[in-house]
Amino acid sequence: MEDESVHRRDISDEFWSKLEPMLPGRKGSWGGQAKDNRRFINAVFWILRTGAPWRDLKVSGKS
C-alpha cells in the first residue's frame, strides 16, 4: 500500500486487487479520475461497520 497509515480494519491488498478494476474513477476509465478510491472504499466499510454518520469521518487537514 502506498499510504503509511494502514489500519487492520482496512481492506486487504488481495481484496483491493479484485475490486479496483470494477470501480469508476480509475486511470484510463471514462470520466474523471478519483484521487483515492481505496481510501473512499475503506471509509464506506467503516460507516457500514460502525453505523456512524458520514460527518464523523476525519477530513484531511482538519481535526
C-alpha atoms as a PDB file:
ATOM      1  CA  MET A   1       0.000   0.000   0.000  1.00  0.00           C
ATOM      2  CA  GLU A   2       1.172   3.496  -0.710  1.00  0.00           C
ATOM      3  CA  ASP A   3      -0.256   5.102   2.421  1.00  0.00           C
ATOM      4  CA  GLU A   4       1.694   4.556   5.631  1.00  0.00           C
ATOM      5  CA  SER A   5      -1.418   4.902   7.798  1.00  0.00           C
ATOM      6  CA  VAL A   6      -2.742   1.408   7.082  1.00  0.00           C
ATOM      7  CA  HIS A   7      -5.097   0.073   9.728  1.00  0.00           C
ATOM      8  CA  ARG A   8      -6.048  -3.511  10.475  1.00  0.00           C
ATOM      9  CA  ARG A   9      -9.653  -2.710   9.556  1.00  0.00           C
ATOM     10  CA  ASP A  10      -8.732  -1.550   6.033  1.00  0.00           C
ATOM     11  CA  ILE A  11      -9.380  -3.842   3.102  1.00  0.00           C
ATOM     12  CA  SER A  12      -6.581  -6.236   2.214  1.00  0.00           C
ATOM     13  CA  ASP A  13      -4.343  -5.858  -0.821  1.00  0.00           C
ATOM     14  CA  GLU A  14      -5.810  -9.097  -2.182  1.00  0.00           C
ATOM     15  CA  PHE A  15      -9.397  -7.827  -1.912  1.00  0.00           C
ATOM     16  CA  TRP A  16      -8.407  -4.451  -3.351  1.00  0.00           C
ATOM     17  CA  SER A  17      -6.753  -6.065  -6.402  1.00  0.00           C
ATOM     18  CA  LYS A  18     -10.095  -7.739  -7.204  1.00  0.00           C
ATOM     19  CA  LEU A  19     -12.266  -4.703  -6.508  1.00  0.00           C
ATOM     20  CA  GLU A  20     -10.207  -1.890  -8.057  1.00  0.00           C
ATOM     21  CA  PRO A  21     -10.751  -2.813 -11.743  1.00  0.00           C
ATOM     22  CA  MET A  22     -14.534  -2.606 -11.252  1.00  0.00           C
ATOM     23  CA  LEU A  23     -14.631   0.915  -9.786  1.00  0.00           C
ATOM     24  CA  PRO A  24     -15.219   4.130 -11.705  1.00  0.00           C
ATOM     25  CA  GLY A  25     -12.672   6.919 -11.432  1.00  0.00           C
ATOM     26  CA  ARG A  26      -9.618   4.773 -12.140  1.00  0.00           C
ATOM     27  CA  LYS A  27      -6.935   5.860 -14.584  1.00  0.00           C
ATOM     28  CA  GLY A  28      -7.987   5.192 -18.157  1.00  0.00           C
ATOM     29  CA  SER A  29     -11.711   4.903 -17.408  1.00  0.00           C
ATOM     30  CA  TRP A  30     -14.367   7.244 -18.726  1.00  0.00           C
ATOM     31  CA  GLY A  31     -14.952  10.409 -16.719  1.00  0.00           C
ATOM     32  CA  GLY A  32     -12.858  11.987 -14.007  1.00  0.00           C
ATOM     33  CA  GLN A  33     -10.104  10.248 -12.111  1.00  0.00           C
ATOM     34  CA  ALA A  34     -10.654   9.666  -8.397  1.00  0.00           C
ATOM     35  CA  LYS A  35      -7.959  10.840  -6.021  1.00  0.00           C
ATOM     36  CA  ASP A  36      -8.029   7.714  -3.853  1.00  0.00           C
ATOM     37  CA  ASN A  37     -10.718   5.065  -4.467  1.00  0.00           C
ATOM     38  CA  ARG A  38      -9.241   2.732  -1.864  1.00  0.00           C
ATOM     39  CA  ARG A  39      -9.496   5.327   0.874  1.00  0.00           C
ATOM     40  CA  PHE A  40     -13.110   6.001  -0.103  1.00  0.00           C
ATOM     41  CA  ILE A  41     -13.991   2.285  -0.028  1.00  0.00           C
ATOM     42  CA  ASN A  42     -12.339   1.923   3.387  1.00  0.00           C
ATOM     43  CA  ALA A  43     -14.471   4.857   4.593  1.00  0.00           C
ATOM     44  CA  VAL A  44     -17.670   3.274   3.240  1.00  0.00           C
ATOM     45  CA  PHE A  45     -16.894  -0.010   5.001  1.00  0.00           C
ATOM     46  CA  TRP A  46     -16.132   1.873   8.235  1.00  0.00           C
ATOM     47  CA  ILE A  47     -19.506   3.630   8.053  1.00  0.00           C
ATOM     48  CA  LEU A  48     -21.255   0.294   7.441  1.00  0.00           C
ATOM     49  CA  ARG A  49     -19.392  -1.411  10.316  1.00  0.00           C
ATOM     50  CA  THR A  50     -19.908   1.310  12.901  1.00  0.00           C
ATOM     51  CA  GLY A  51     -23.215   2.849  11.880  1.00  0.00           C
ATOM     52  CA  ALA A  52     -21.605   6.273  12.331  1.00  0.00           C
ATOM     53  CA  PRO A  53     -22.778   9.247  10.253  1.00  0.00           C
ATOM     54  CA  TRP A  54     -20.557  10.485   7.426  1.00  0.00           C
ATOM     55  CA  ARG A  55     -19.805  13.657   9.365  1.00  0.00           C
ATOM     56  CA  ASP A  56     -17.836  11.554  11.880  1.00  0.00           C
ATOM     57  CA  LEU A  57     -15.200  10.701   9.289  1.00  0.00           C
ATOM     58  CA  LYS A  58     -11.964  12.621   9.754  1.00  0.00           C
ATOM     59  CA  VAL A  59     -11.367  15.144   6.987  1.00  0.00           C
ATOM     60  CA  SER A  60      -7.751  15.502   5.870  1.00  0.00           C
ATOM     61  CA  GLY A  61      -6.205  18.660   7.228  1.00  0.00           C
ATOM     62  CA  LYS A  62      -8.872  19.108   9.906  1.00  0.00           C
ATOM     63  CA  SER A  63      -9.355  17.570  13.337  1.00  0.00           C
END
